[in-house]
């Protein structure tokens, strides 16, 4: 237990129930990280954070015996990157890591570091990079806007889908949206550590401005006048010709809240409302006739990317 206290001493809040030198009089189960410290957890988020070097990292914790498991090569990479950055790596027991991460799925690796924040954006720009790395994947030219997506799991999964399918960037609301937390980083499989997420103070106003600047604003909705994205894509392909990529303005694809969907003012700012058509039995989806945010986003980005990408036979 003394070993555990020595390691966690820098990361616990002051509590009047503690004895001298920060030692609790009873069980240490109430220990919490410092409020100024983010505890990023999981192999992919920690590795990505060390590679991206966007956070100020204080310490890395690795569960004892993890070097002998199936992830030993990744753990060795984490240790090497931390050593190169001058970040101490400490061995810790599983119970200690559970305390630091509040019983999150840490996979035996966590680190204390500074938090990430969104980059404020006043006007849409096609020149803004999603990834700062020179090895960033090619972009589809489609920006993704998240309208008050508050669940960190949905936010992180949407971020992962956007990156995987080559979105040009991600925009979110500065209020009533999930913060860029450790849970988002874990759900994104570490994509958050490499991506620049932008925010705006008023999404309806921002989208209206984007439309005035020549952007095509597509809102994801189910029913209510929305057209199937496959039909819309087919129409664009027909207008452009079979042997040429469809000429079109830059696109903003707006995804709604996991419960309420797009807000009314956001819908009104959209050029078109698009949906993923239901192909399965309608009775099976009577109560929830749609996919979740990240799955819908993945389908829409794939269709849009396929429609507006020029292949080798173009």
C-alpha atoms as a PDB file:
ATOM      1  CA  UNK A   1       0.000   0.000   0.000  1.00  0.00           C
ATOM      2  CA  UNK A   2       2.862   2.418   0.697  1.00  0.00           C
ATOM      3  CA  UNK A   3       4.114   1.692  -2.773  1.00  0.00           C
ATOM      4  CA  UNK A   4       0.708   2.614  -4.158  1.00  0.00           C
ATOM      5  CA  UNK A   5       0.487   5.840  -2.124  1.00  0.00           C
ATOM      6  CA  UNK A   6       3.909   6.996  -3.227  1.00  0.00           C
ATOM      7  CA  UNK A   7       2.975   6.654  -6.854  1.00  0.00           C
ATOM      8  CA  UNK A   8      -0.437   8.284  -6.618  1.00  0.00           C
ATOM      9  CA  UNK A   9       0.461  11.114  -4.266  1.00  0.00           C
ATOM     10  CA  UNK A  10       0.877  13.685  -7.039  1.00  0.00           C
ATOM     11  CA  UNK A  11      -2.504  12.897  -8.562  1.00  0.00           C
ATOM     12  CA  UNK A  12      -4.993  13.077  -5.706  1.00  0.00           C
ATOM     13  CA  UNK A  13      -7.123  15.965  -4.510  1.00  0.00           C
ATOM     14  CA  UNK A  14      -6.708  17.286  -0.973  1.00  0.00           C
ATOM     15  CA  UNK A  15      -9.220  15.706   1.383  1.00  0.00           C
ATOM     16  CA  UNK A  16      -9.672  16.796   5.030  1.00  0.00           C
ATOM     17  CA  UNK A  17     -10.071  13.135   6.004  1.00  0.00           C
ATOM     18  CA  UNK A  18      -6.452  12.459   5.123  1.00  0.00           C
ATOM     19  CA  UNK A  19      -3.791  12.141   7.749  1.00  0.00           C
ATOM     20  CA  UNK A  20      -0.443  13.899   7.573  1.00  0.00           C
ATOM     21  CA  UNK A  21       1.521  13.836   4.281  1.00  0.00           C
ATOM     22  CA  UNK A  22      -1.606  13.137   2.281  1.00  0.00           C
ATOM     23  CA  UNK A  23      -2.131   9.614   3.606  1.00  0.00           C
ATOM     24  CA  UNK A  24      -5.751   8.611   4.075  1.00  0.00           C
ATOM     25  CA  UNK A  25      -6.919   7.296   7.408  1.00  0.00           C
ATOM     26  CA  UNK A  26      -8.982   4.607   5.692  1.00  0.00           C
ATOM     27  CA  UNK A  27      -9.201   2.914   2.286  1.00  0.00           C
ATOM     28  CA  UNK A  28      -7.655   4.869  -0.607  1.00  0.00           C
ATOM     29  CA  UNK A  29     -10.580   3.983  -2.863  1.00  0.00           C
ATOM     30  CA  UNK A  30     -11.710   7.633  -3.007  1.00  0.00           C
ATOM     31  CA  UNK A  31      -8.464   8.846  -4.554  1.00  0.00           C
ATOM     32  CA  UNK A  32      -8.986  10.922  -7.678  1.00  0.00           C
ATOM     33  CA  UNK A  33      -6.671  12.533 -10.260  1.00  0.00           C
ATOM     34  CA  UNK A  34      -5.888  16.221  -9.841  1.00  0.00           C
ATOM     35  CA  UNK A  35      -8.558  18.393 -11.454  1.00  0.00           C
ATOM     36  CA  UNK A  36      -5.889  20.018 -13.636  1.00  0.00           C
ATOM     37  CA  UNK A  37      -4.688  16.656 -14.960  1.00  0.00           C
ATOM     38  CA  UNK A  38      -6.244  14.533 -17.689  1.00  0.00           C
ATOM     39  CA  UNK A  39      -5.810  10.787 -17.301  1.00  0.00           C
ATOM     40  CA  UNK A  40      -5.666   9.390 -20.841  1.00  0.00           C
ATOM     41  CA  UNK A  41      -6.017   5.610 -20.905  1.00  0.00           C
ATOM     42  CA  UNK A  42      -5.826   2.768 -23.383  1.00  0.00           C
ATOM     43  CA  UNK A  43      -2.997   1.545 -25.596  1.00  0.00           C
ATOM     44  CA  UNK A  44      -3.982   3.397 -28.778  1.00  0.00           C
ATOM     45  CA  UNK A  45      -4.725   6.775 -27.123  1.00  0.00           C
ATOM     46  CA  UNK A  46      -1.505   6.748 -25.073  1.00  0.00           C
ATOM     47  CA  UNK A  47       0.634   5.659 -28.021  1.00  0.00           C
ATOM     48  CA  UNK A  48      -0.992   8.226 -30.320  1.00  0.00           C
ATOM     49  CA  UNK A  49      -0.567  11.005 -27.763  1.00  0.00           C
ATOM     50  CA  UNK A  50       3.141  10.242 -27.407  1.00  0.00           C
ATOM     51  CA  UNK A  51       3.576  10.184 -31.188  1.00  0.00           C
ATOM     52  CA  UNK A  52       1.551  13.345 -31.843  1.00  0.00           C
ATOM     53  CA  UNK A  53       3.241  15.368 -29.056  1.00  0.00           C
ATOM     54  CA  UNK A  54       0.277  17.725 -28.688  1.00  0.00           C
ATOM     55  CA  UNK A  55      -0.113  17.245 -24.936  1.00  0.00           C
ATOM     56  CA  UNK A  56       2.170  18.110 -22.058  1.00  0.00           C
ATOM     57  CA  UNK A  57       2.733  14.665 -20.539  1.00  0.00           C
ATOM     58  CA  UNK A  58       3.782  14.256 -16.899  1.00  0.00           C
ATOM     59  CA  UNK A  59       3.989  10.517 -16.369  1.00  0.00           C
ATOM     60  CA  UNK A  60       3.087   7.236 -18.029  1.00  0.00           C
ATOM     61  CA  UNK A  61       1.855   4.285 -15.981  1.00  0.00           C
ATOM     62  CA  UNK A  62       2.224   0.715 -17.262  1.00  0.00           C
ATOM     63  CA  UNK A  63       0.637  -2.238 -15.507  1.00  0.00           C
ATOM     64  CA  UNK A  64       3.127  -4.667 -14.026  1.00  0.00           C
ATOM     65  CA  UNK A  65       3.677  -7.691 -16.260  1.00  0.00           C
ATOM     66  CA  UNK A  66       2.219  -6.058 -19.377  1.00  0.00           C
ATOM     67  CA  UNK A  67       5.585  -6.317 -21.166  1.00  0.00           C
ATOM     68  CA  UNK A  68       5.185 -10.094 -21.183  1.00  0.00           C
ATOM     69  CA  UNK A  69       1.729 -10.105 -22.782  1.00  0.00           C
ATOM     70  CA  UNK A  70       0.431  -9.915 -26.337  1.00  0.00           C
ATOM     71  CA  UNK A  71       0.914  -6.134 -26.440  1.00  0.00           C
ATOM     72  CA  UNK A  72       4.586  -6.235 -25.484  1.00  0.00           C
ATOM     73  CA  UNK A  73       5.762  -4.650 -28.758  1.00  0.00           C
ATOM     74  CA  UNK A  74       3.365  -1.727 -28.389  1.00  0.00           C
ATOM     75  CA  UNK A  75       4.323  -1.308 -24.733  1.00  0.00           C
ATOM     76  CA  UNK A  76       7.987  -1.239 -25.737  1.00  0.00           C
ATOM     77  CA  UNK A  77       7.145   1.474 -28.271  1.00  0.00           C
ATOM     78  CA  UNK A  78       5.334   3.482 -25.588  1.00  0.00           C
ATOM     79  CA  UNK A  79       8.322   3.186 -23.261  1.00  0.00           C
ATOM     80  CA  UNK A  80      10.736   4.247 -26.016  1.00  0.00           C
ATOM     81  CA  UNK A  81       8.679   7.306 -26.981  1.00  0.00           C
ATOM     82  CA  UNK A  82       8.277   8.331 -23.347  1.00  0.00           C
ATOM     83  CA  UNK A  83      12.017   7.984 -22.744  1.00  0.00           C
ATOM     84  CA  UNK A  84      12.792  10.072 -25.831  1.00  0.00           C
ATOM     85  CA  UNK A  85      10.454  12.790 -24.550  1.00  0.00           C
ATOM     86  CA  UNK A  86      11.898  12.670 -21.035  1.00  0.00           C
ATOM     87  CA  UNK A  87       8.641  11.376 -19.553  1.00  0.00           C
ATOM     88  CA  UNK A  88       9.013   8.966 -16.607  1.00  0.00           C
ATOM     89  CA  UNK A  89       7.357   5.561 -16.956  1.00  0.00           C
ATOM     90  CA  UNK A  90       6.241   3.947 -13.700  1.00  0.00           C
ATOM     91  CA  UNK A  91       5.080   0.409 -13.022  1.00  0.00           C
ATOM     92  CA  UNK A  92       1.671   0.187 -11.371  1.00  0.00           C
ATOM     93  CA  UNK A  93      -0.752  -2.471 -10.247  1.00  0.00           C
ATOM     94  CA  UNK A  94      -4.125  -2.952 -11.880  1.00  0.00           C
ATOM     95  CA  UNK A  95      -5.874  -1.585  -8.788  1.00  0.00           C
ATOM     96  CA  UNK A  96      -3.827   1.618  -8.956  1.00  0.00           C
ATOM     97  CA  UNK A  97      -4.726   2.117 -12.596  1.00  0.00           C
ATOM     98  CA  UNK A  98      -8.385   1.472 -11.802  1.00  0.00           C
ATOM     99  CA  UNK A  99      -8.237   4.251  -9.215  1.00  0.00           C
ATOM    100  CA  UNK A 100      -6.560   6.706 -11.567  1.00  0.00           C
ATOM    101  CA  UNK A 101      -8.945   6.024 -14.451  1.00  0.00           C
ATOM    102  CA  UNK A 102     -12.054   5.548 -12.304  1.00  0.00           C
ATOM    103  CA  UNK A 103     -12.428   1.956 -13.468  1.00  0.00           C
ATOM    104  CA  UNK A 104     -12.228   2.758 -17.172  1.00  0.00           C
ATOM    105  CA  UNK A 105     -11.033   0.180 -19.698  1.00  0.00           C
ATOM    106  CA  UNK A 106      -7.369   1.224 -19.502  1.00  0.00           C
ATOM    107  CA  UNK A 107      -5.787  -1.937 -21.023  1.00  0.00           C
ATOM    108  CA  UNK A 108      -2.948  -1.614 -18.531  1.00  0.00           C
ATOM    109  CA  UNK A 109      -1.683   1.773 -19.771  1.00  0.00           C
ATOM    110  CA  UNK A 110      -2.538   5.322 -18.702  1.00  0.00           C
ATOM    111  CA  UNK A 111      -0.818   8.678 -18.504  1.00  0.00           C
ATOM    112  CA  UNK A 112      -1.276  12.007 -16.757  1.00  0.00           C
ATOM    113  CA  UNK A 113      -1.179  14.944 -19.142  1.00  0.00           C
ATOM    114  CA  UNK A 114      -2.713  18.250 -20.161  1.00  0.00           C
ATOM    115  CA  UNK A 115      -6.143  18.372 -21.777  1.00  0.00           C
ATOM    116  CA  UNK A 116      -6.932  19.034 -25.435  1.00  0.00           C
ATOM    117  CA  UNK A 117      -9.342  21.728 -26.570  1.00  0.00           C
ATOM    118  CA  UNK A 118     -11.161  22.662 -29.755  1.00  0.00           C
ATOM    119  CA  UNK A 119      -9.853  25.311 -32.142  1.00  0.00           C
ATOM    120  CA  UNK A 120     -12.411  28.098 -32.522  1.00  0.00           C
ATOM    121  CA  UNK A 121     -13.531  28.779 -36.079  1.00  0.00           C
ATOM    122  CA  UNK A 122     -15.456  31.839 -37.265  1.00  0.00           C
ATOM    123  CA  UNK A 123     -15.729  30.946 -40.946  1.00  0.00           C
ATOM    124  CA  UNK A 124     -15.466  27.735 -42.928  1.00  0.00           C
ATOM    125  CA  UNK A 125     -12.234  27.238 -44.822  1.00  0.00           C
ATOM    126  CA  UNK A 126     -11.227  24.363 -47.087  1.00  0.00           C
ATOM    127  CA  UNK A 127      -7.561  25.023 -46.311  1.00  0.00           C
ATOM    128  CA  UNK A 128      -7.712  23.961 -42.655  1.00  0.00           C
ATOM    129  CA  UNK A 129      -5.982  20.594 -42.075  1.00  0.00           C
ATOM    130  CA  UNK A 130      -7.698  17.783 -40.173  1.00  0.00           C
ATOM    131  CA  UNK A 131      -4.357  16.141 -39.426  1.00  0.00           C
ATOM    132  CA  UNK A 132      -1.181  18.135 -38.864  1.00  0.00           C
ATOM    133  CA  UNK A 133       1.046  15.215 -39.892  1.00  0.00           C
ATOM    134  CA  UNK A 134       2.691  15.168 -43.320  1.00  0.00           C
ATOM    135  CA  UNK A 135       1.555  11.535 -43.536  1.00  0.00           C
ATOM    136  CA  UNK A 136      -2.102  12.480 -43.213  1.00  0.00           C
ATOM    137  CA  UNK A 137      -4.507  10.483 -45.394  1.00  0.00           C
ATOM    138  CA  UNK A 138      -5.985  12.015 -48.522  1.00  0.00           C
ATOM    139  CA  UNK A 139      -9.125  14.044 -47.900  1.00  0.00           C
ATOM    140  CA  UNK A 140     -12.550  13.640 -49.495  1.00  0.00           C
ATOM    141  CA  UNK A 141     -13.128  17.371 -49.149  1.00  0.00           C
ATOM    142  CA  UNK A 142     -16.175  16.762 -46.918  1.00  0.00           C
ATOM    143  CA  UNK A 143     -16.291  18.518 -43.564  1.00  0.00           C
ATOM    144  CA  UNK A 144     -18.315  16.951 -40.732  1.00  0.00           C
ATOM    145  CA  UNK A 145     -20.313  19.130 -38.327  1.00  0.00           C
ATOM    146  CA  UNK A 146     -21.647  17.555 -35.123  1.00  0.00           C
ATOM    147  CA  UNK A 147     -24.775  19.268 -33.803  1.00  0.00           C
ATOM    148  CA  UNK A 148     -24.709  18.933 -30.016  1.00  0.00           C
ATOM    149  CA  UNK A 149     -23.416  15.354 -29.909  1.00  0.00           C
ATOM    150  CA  UNK A 150     -22.933  15.041 -26.159  1.00  0.00           C
ATOM    151  CA  UNK A 151     -22.174  11.367 -25.567  1.00  0.00           C
ATOM    152  CA  UNK A 152     -18.372  10.864 -25.538  1.00  0.00           C
ATOM    153  CA  UNK A 153     -18.670   7.360 -26.990  1.00  0.00           C
ATOM    154  CA  UNK A 154     -20.695   8.622 -29.959  1.00  0.00           C
ATOM    155  CA  UNK A 155     -18.435  11.642 -30.372  1.00  0.00           C
ATOM    156  CA  UNK A 156     -15.293   9.519 -30.368  1.00  0.00           C
ATOM    157  CA  UNK A 157     -16.770   6.911 -32.707  1.00  0.00           C
ATOM    158  CA  UNK A 158     -17.871   9.662 -35.119  1.00  0.00           C
ATOM    159  CA  UNK A 159     -14.385  11.135 -35.024  1.00  0.00           C
ATOM    160  CA  UNK A 160     -12.931   7.726 -35.845  1.00  0.00           C
ATOM    161  CA  UNK A 161     -15.324   7.248 -38.786  1.00  0.00           C
ATOM    162  CA  UNK A 162     -14.574  10.740 -40.093  1.00  0.00           C
ATOM    163  CA  UNK A 163     -10.836  10.119 -40.033  1.00  0.00           C
ATOM    164  CA  UNK A 164     -11.046   6.615 -41.514  1.00  0.00           C
ATOM    165  CA  UNK A 165     -13.187   7.762 -44.446  1.00  0.00           C
ATOM    166  CA  UNK A 166     -11.085  10.807 -45.239  1.00  0.00           C
ATOM    167  CA  UNK A 167     -13.161  13.713 -43.933  1.00  0.00           C
ATOM    168  CA  UNK A 168     -11.515  17.084 -44.418  1.00  0.00           C
ATOM    169  CA  UNK A 169     -12.270  18.224 -40.865  1.00  0.00           C
ATOM    170  CA  UNK A 170     -14.647  18.046 -37.905  1.00  0.00           C
ATOM    171  CA  UNK A 171     -16.620  20.939 -36.442  1.00  0.00           C
ATOM    172  CA  UNK A 172     -18.638  20.903 -33.231  1.00  0.00           C
ATOM    173  CA  UNK A 173     -20.642  23.295 -31.071  1.00  0.00           C
ATOM    174  CA  UNK A 174     -18.759  25.154 -28.353  1.00  0.00           C
ATOM    175  CA  UNK A 175     -21.664  24.489 -25.953  1.00  0.00           C
ATOM    176  CA  UNK A 176     -23.806  21.413 -25.297  1.00  0.00           C
ATOM    177  CA  UNK A 177     -21.257  19.098 -26.896  1.00  0.00           C
ATOM    178  CA  UNK A 178     -18.945  16.468 -25.513  1.00  0.00           C
ATOM    179  CA  UNK A 179     -15.583  17.884 -24.384  1.00  0.00           C
ATOM    180  CA  UNK A 180     -12.423  16.392 -25.875  1.00  0.00           C
ATOM    181  CA  UNK A 181     -12.039  14.021 -22.942  1.00  0.00           C
ATOM    182  CA  UNK A 182     -10.104  10.835 -22.341  1.00  0.00           C
ATOM    183  CA  UNK A 183     -13.314   8.893 -23.010  1.00  0.00           C
ATOM    184  CA  UNK A 184     -13.546  10.505 -26.462  1.00  0.00           C
ATOM    185  CA  UNK A 185      -9.915   9.628 -27.154  1.00  0.00           C
ATOM    186  CA  UNK A 186     -10.534   5.991 -26.173  1.00  0.00           C
ATOM    187  CA  UNK A 187     -13.711   5.740 -28.260  1.00  0.00           C
ATOM    188  CA  UNK A 188     -11.861   7.224 -31.233  1.00  0.00           C
ATOM    189  CA  UNK A 189      -9.053   4.628 -30.884  1.00  0.00           C
ATOM    190  CA  UNK A 190      -6.579   7.479 -30.444  1.00  0.00           C
ATOM    191  CA  UNK A 191      -7.679   9.508 -33.490  1.00  0.00           C
ATOM    192  CA  UNK A 192      -8.417  12.479 -31.224  1.00  0.00           C
ATOM    193  CA  UNK A 193      -4.716  12.724 -30.368  1.00  0.00           C
ATOM    194  CA  UNK A 194      -3.819  13.451 -34.010  1.00  0.00           C
ATOM    195  CA  UNK A 195      -6.858  15.371 -35.252  1.00  0.00           C
ATOM    196  CA  UNK A 196      -7.760  19.042 -35.000  1.00  0.00           C
ATOM    197  CA  UNK A 197     -11.368  19.451 -33.878  1.00  0.00           C
ATOM    198  CA  UNK A 198     -12.845  22.900 -34.505  1.00  0.00           C
ATOM    199  CA  UNK A 199     -15.768  24.580 -32.774  1.00  0.00           C
ATOM    200  CA  UNK A 200     -18.121  27.485 -33.389  1.00  0.00           C
ATOM    201  CA  UNK A 201     -20.338  29.481 -31.053  1.00  0.00           C
ATOM    202  CA  UNK A 202     -23.518  29.179 -33.171  1.00  0.00           C
ATOM    203  CA  UNK A 203     -23.797  26.279 -35.596  1.00  0.00           C
ATOM    204  CA  UNK A 204     -26.902  27.590 -37.449  1.00  0.00           C
ATOM    205  CA  UNK A 205     -25.212  30.944 -38.111  1.00  0.00           C
ATOM    206  CA  UNK A 206     -21.976  29.221 -39.075  1.00  0.00           C
ATOM    207  CA  UNK A 207     -23.736  26.953 -41.579  1.00  0.00           C
ATOM    208  CA  UNK A 208     -25.644  29.860 -43.113  1.00  0.00           C
ATOM    209  CA  UNK A 209     -22.330  31.641 -43.599  1.00  0.00           C
ATOM    210  CA  UNK A 210     -20.841  28.523 -45.181  1.00  0.00           C
ATOM    211  CA  UNK A 211     -23.761  28.348 -47.608  1.00  0.00           C
ATOM    212  CA  UNK A 212     -23.244  31.996 -48.532  1.00  0.00           C
ATOM    213  CA  UNK A 213     -19.582  31.214 -49.214  1.00  0.00           C
ATOM    214  CA  UNK A 214     -20.500  28.500 -51.704  1.00  0.00           C
ATOM    215  CA  UNK A 215     -20.485  25.395 -49.500  1.00  0.00           C
ATOM    216  CA  UNK A 216     -23.099  22.682 -49.975  1.00  0.00           C
ATOM    217  CA  UNK A 217     -24.594  22.002 -46.533  1.00  0.00           C
ATOM    218  CA  UNK A 218     -26.082  18.507 -46.204  1.00  0.00           C
ATOM    219  CA  UNK A 219     -28.009  17.600 -43.065  1.00  0.00           C
ATOM    220  CA  UNK A 220     -28.400  13.959 -42.018  1.00  0.00           C
ATOM    221  CA  UNK A 221     -32.024  13.252 -41.107  1.00  0.00           C
ATOM    222  CA  UNK A 222     -34.448  10.342 -41.246  1.00  0.00           C
ATOM    223  CA  UNK A 223     -37.748  11.100 -42.967  1.00  0.00           C
ATOM    224  CA  UNK A 224     -39.208  14.584 -42.873  1.00  0.00           C
ATOM    225  CA  UNK A 225     -38.413  15.338 -46.501  1.00  0.00           C
ATOM    226  CA  UNK A 226     -34.910  13.836 -46.488  1.00  0.00           C
ATOM    227  CA  UNK A 227     -33.814  12.153 -49.720  1.00  0.00           C
ATOM    228  CA  UNK A 228     -31.790   8.957 -49.929  1.00  0.00           C
ATOM    229  CA  UNK A 229     -28.102   9.743 -50.252  1.00  0.00           C
ATOM    230  CA  UNK A 230     -27.722   7.057 -52.924  1.00  0.00           C
ATOM    231  CA  UNK A 231     -30.359   8.719 -55.100  1.00  0.00           C
ATOM    232  CA  UNK A 232     -28.790  12.127 -54.636  1.00  0.00           C
ATOM    233  CA  UNK A 233     -25.369  10.709 -55.482  1.00  0.00           C
ATOM    234  CA  UNK A 234     -26.741   9.005 -58.602  1.00  0.00           C
ATOM    235  CA  UNK A 235     -28.217  12.288 -59.764  1.00  0.00           C
ATOM    236  CA  UNK A 236     -24.890  14.052 -59.296  1.00  0.00           C
ATOM    237  CA  UNK A 237     -23.067  11.297 -61.167  1.00  0.00           C
ATOM    238  CA  UNK A 238     -25.522  11.567 -64.034  1.00  0.00           C
ATOM    239  CA  UNK A 239     -25.023  15.314 -64.259  1.00  0.00           C
ATOM    240  CA  UNK A 240     -21.235  14.956 -64.277  1.00  0.00           C
ATOM    241  CA  UNK A 241     -20.990  12.040 -66.698  1.00  0.00           C
ATOM    242  CA  UNK A 242     -19.864   8.475 -66.129  1.00  0.00           C
ATOM    243  CA  UNK A 243     -16.179   9.082 -66.864  1.00  0.00           C
ATOM    244  CA  UNK A 244     -15.599  12.184 -64.751  1.00  0.00           C
ATOM    245  CA  UNK A 245     -15.775  12.827 -61.025  1.00  0.00           C
ATOM    246  CA  UNK A 246     -18.857  14.818 -60.158  1.00  0.00           C
ATOM    247  CA  UNK A 247     -18.066  18.500 -60.075  1.00  0.00           C
ATOM    248  CA  UNK A 248     -19.462  20.022 -56.924  1.00  0.00           C
ATOM    249  CA  UNK A 249     -18.790  22.692 -54.312  1.00  0.00           C
ATOM    250  CA  UNK A 250     -17.148  21.756 -51.001  1.00  0.00           C
ATOM    251  CA  UNK A 251     -19.505  19.939 -48.648  1.00  0.00           C
ATOM    252  CA  UNK A 252     -20.388  20.243 -44.969  1.00  0.00           C
ATOM    253  CA  UNK A 253     -22.165  17.116 -43.688  1.00  0.00           C
ATOM    254  CA  UNK A 254     -24.141  17.861 -40.513  1.00  0.00           C
ATOM    255  CA  UNK A 255     -24.897  15.069 -38.027  1.00  0.00           C
ATOM    256  CA  UNK A 256     -27.535  15.510 -35.335  1.00  0.00           C
ATOM    257  CA  UNK A 257     -27.792  14.731 -31.655  1.00  0.00           C
ATOM    258  CA  UNK A 258     -28.109  11.047 -30.751  1.00  0.00           C
ATOM    259  CA  UNK A 259     -31.651  11.562 -29.453  1.00  0.00           C
ATOM    260  CA  UNK A 260     -33.266  14.659 -30.948  1.00  0.00           C
ATOM    261  CA  UNK A 261     -31.422  14.731 -34.261  1.00  0.00           C
ATOM    262  CA  UNK A 262     -30.800  18.041 -35.987  1.00  0.00           C
ATOM    263  CA  UNK A 263     -32.230  21.153 -34.380  1.00  0.00           C
ATOM    264  CA  UNK A 264     -34.818  23.115 -36.369  1.00  0.00           C
ATOM    265  CA  UNK A 265     -32.540  26.098 -37.014  1.00  0.00           C
ATOM    266  CA  UNK A 266     -29.759  23.759 -38.132  1.00  0.00           C
ATOM    267  CA  UNK A 267     -32.117  22.020 -40.577  1.00  0.00           C
ATOM    268  CA  UNK A 268     -33.155  25.376 -41.984  1.00  0.00           C
ATOM    269  CA  UNK A 269     -29.497  26.213 -42.650  1.00  0.00           C
ATOM    270  CA  UNK A 270     -28.997  23.044 -44.739  1.00  0.00           C
ATOM    271  CA  UNK A 271     -29.123  22.973 -48.539  1.00  0.00           C
ATOM    272  CA  UNK A 272     -30.466  19.390 -48.569  1.00  0.00           C
ATOM    273  CA  UNK A 273     -31.530  16.792 -46.013  1.00  0.00           C
ATOM    274  CA  UNK A 274     -30.180  13.308 -46.740  1.00  0.00           C
ATOM    275  CA  UNK A 275     -30.814   9.913 -45.178  1.00  0.00           C
ATOM    276  CA  UNK A 276     -29.544   6.351 -45.262  1.00  0.00           C
ATOM    277  CA  UNK A 277     -32.503   4.418 -46.727  1.00  0.00           C
ATOM    278  CA  UNK A 278     -33.836   1.541 -44.654  1.00  0.00           C
ATOM    279  CA  UNK A 279     -33.175  -1.745 -46.462  1.00  0.00           C
ATOM    280  CA  UNK A 280     -34.277  -4.140 -43.716  1.00  0.00           C
ATOM    281  CA  UNK A 281     -37.793  -4.983 -42.473  1.00  0.00           C
ATOM    282  CA  UNK A 282     -39.583  -1.823 -41.345  1.00  0.00           C
ATOM    283  CA  UNK A 283     -41.259  -3.568 -38.394  1.00  0.00           C
ATOM    284  CA  UNK A 284     -37.860  -4.410 -36.902  1.00  0.00           C
ATOM    285  CA  UNK A 285     -37.003  -0.705 -36.745  1.00  0.00           C
ATOM    286  CA  UNK A 286     -40.389   0.720 -35.804  1.00  0.00           C
ATOM    287  CA  UNK A 287     -39.111   2.266 -32.572  1.00  0.00           C
ATOM    288  CA  UNK A 288     -35.717   3.377 -33.874  1.00  0.00           C
ATOM    289  CA  UNK A 289     -35.729   3.725 -37.680  1.00  0.00           C
ATOM    290  CA  UNK A 290     -32.128   4.912 -37.980  1.00  0.00           C
ATOM    291  CA  UNK A 291     -28.499   4.023 -37.306  1.00  0.00           C
ATOM    292  CA  UNK A 292     -26.383   5.602 -34.594  1.00  0.00           C
ATOM    293  CA  UNK A 293     -24.362   8.738 -35.322  1.00  0.00           C
ATOM    294  CA  UNK A 294     -21.062   7.099 -36.265  1.00  0.00           C
ATOM    295  CA  UNK A 295     -22.641   4.379 -38.438  1.00  0.00           C
ATOM    296  CA  UNK A 296     -24.779   6.901 -40.328  1.00  0.00           C
ATOM    297  CA  UNK A 297     -21.763   9.150 -40.775  1.00  0.00           C
ATOM    298  CA  UNK A 298     -19.681   6.270 -42.122  1.00  0.00           C
ATOM    299  CA  UNK A 299     -22.286   5.341 -44.748  1.00  0.00           C
ATOM    300  CA  UNK A 300     -22.807   8.940 -45.869  1.00  0.00           C
ATOM    301  CA  UNK A 301     -19.089   9.681 -46.097  1.00  0.00           C
ATOM    302  CA  UNK A 302     -18.487   6.492 -48.064  1.00  0.00           C
ATOM    303  CA  UNK A 303     -21.213   7.322 -50.588  1.00  0.00           C
ATOM    304  CA  UNK A 304     -20.106  10.939 -50.933  1.00  0.00           C
ATOM    305  CA  UNK A 305     -16.457   9.933 -51.218  1.00  0.00           C
ATOM    306  CA  UNK A 306     -17.235   7.312 -53.867  1.00  0.00           C
ATOM    307  CA  UNK A 307     -19.344   9.773 -55.820  1.00  0.00           C
ATOM    308  CA  UNK A 308     -16.817  12.571 -55.903  1.00  0.00           C
ATOM    309  CA  UNK A 309     -13.547  10.638 -56.169  1.00  0.00           C
ATOM    310  CA  UNK A 310     -11.810  10.046 -59.462  1.00  0.00           C
ATOM    311  CA  UNK A 311     -10.597   6.444 -59.787  1.00  0.00           C
ATOM    312  CA  UNK A 312      -7.860   5.127 -62.073  1.00  0.00           C
ATOM    313  CA  UNK A 313     -10.350   4.501 -64.892  1.00  0.00           C
ATOM    314  CA  UNK A 314     -11.773   8.021 -64.866  1.00  0.00           C
END
